[in-house]
Amino acid sequence: MLDRLDHALRARPERPAVLTATRGGATRVRATGGELAALADAFAAGLHARGLRAGDTVGVAVRPGPRALAVLLALWRLGLRGAVLDPGAGAEVLRARLALARPALVLADAAAQAVAGWAAPLARRARLELPELAALGPVATVGARLPGCAPALDLGAPRAGVPAGFEGDGDAVVVFTSGTTSRPRAVVHSRAGLAAGMETVSALFGGGRGAPVLGGTFFVLVPSLAQGSPVALPARSPAVLARQLARLRPGDTYLTPPQLRDALGAGARFGGRVWTGSAPASAGLLGRVREAGAREAWGVYALTELFPAAAVESREKAAFDAAGDLVGAPLPGVRTAVDARGELLLTGPAARDRYLGEEPDPWVRTGDRARLDGAGRIVLEGRCKDMVLRRAENIYPGLYEPGLHVPGVELGVLVGVPAGDGDERLVAVVQPRRGASEPALRAALSEPLRAMGTARPDALLFADIPLSGRSRKPDRAAVSALAAARLGRGAG
């Protein structure tokens, strides 16, 4: 896929490749195919001149966009392994995990170096943090070099002797998972596995060749550009994003659930097909996207270890009336198993090769409790670690949370609050949609709560639900603390 992308960029160098939007939502060309290819060539020459060779690890702390994509193409061409330094993972986590894969070089833009240096106090307020980059290995700046930045990677290095490509398999990328520093884990994808995942995404997006695509992840950028579709990076402001959608009219749109909720709140209208993942997407949210004009609205079930694994369209999800969260049939090549504890296991060509420092294992433990229905579709029943123990009964929130998403609810989660003696109270925390009446929501939720049977919550609270991580999933620990504080004051 990355080889095809390189060919596509060079075949039509004048074609717009990466787009952005003005504050008024007008489309602006950020980079053409030829500019991306030329930048990738310069990065490859600069890395080769630094003595890096196939199999070496390169830390990458570069914001998503044309520059980061060109870095990925250069690493792929030289057979280098990229370790993605995500500032949302936290400095201690990254430091511990990189002890297992010390980079021969760290490529960082000025923003990443600021987060790791003089702007660290401000960045931490936004839950962004990087360790001191120079402690990880030699650092080279890509992009604009500001005072205090490391020396720039030499983009004028000689091209003679730079490999035209790398044949064979090997490690392609290292991505750090969430967790603690006590047991650092880093997901290693091989070149073959990375290519298989992108092929699956390309098959999902198939049919809209040439039409613009809105999305910012590599798994959207690479397949879309390879098939000739320019990709627009989503505007950060919901209001600007709404205007961008109106002006661009993309054939396919990929936004996370929080981005979708923000865009809908800003009055965005959609068209074509809309895809969402990285965090749970309720049938209600997908339905709202279709009501806002999308022809189809899809939820994609994916993990850092296997992307993508399953997908479901809004109408199929809305028609599902059994307990749990339907995430769809496994995508071609993905195989499933459920162990004796009810945990879902996945494998397939796109599965990670291994965790860094561990032996290869074809099966990915998802951490999700699940079952397969009569049609072979995956139905999630909650995260194994989110289990709530109440009066000797094990309650898995994910099995019941879909029932909280009645009209007027933006987000809803079930959490446990310590009740003493190892027992917990089960609390439903619901975030109303803007303008929704709490008394009306309480009435609308009465029947869904009653239908939960022995898992009926002890209390129902209305509050804004804290989010965390790069995908802005509900922060269950923070929600539990919020619920405990509210209940301590007599709310509920």
Foldseek 3Di string as FASTA:
>chain_A
DLVLLLVLLVVCVPAQAEWEADLLQAIDRPHGSVRLNLLLLLLLLLCVVVVDAAAAEEEEAEDFDSNVVSNLSSCQFRNYEYEYFFQLQAALLVVLQLVLHQHQEYEHEPVSQCCQPVCVVVVVVVNGHHHNVVVSHHYAYDDDDDPPDHHHRGSPHDSPPRGRGDDDKDWHYWYWDHDDSVDTWIFTAMPQLVVVLLVLLLVVVPDQQQFEEEDGDPSCSRSNSSSHHHYYYADPQLLSNLSNCVNRQGQEYEDELVSLLSVVVNVHAHEHEYEYEPADDALVSLVSNVVSYYPWYKYFPPDPQAHTFAMDISVVQVPDDAFAGFGHATGPFKDWDADPVQWIKIFGSNGTQGIRPDHGDRIDGPQWRWDADPVRTTGTQAGVVQWAQAPNDTHHFRRQQSLLPDPQWSHKTWHWADPPPRHTFIEIETEGDPPDDPVVSVVVSPVSLVVVPPNRGPYYHYDDFAFGDPSGYGPRVVVNVVVVVCVVVPHD
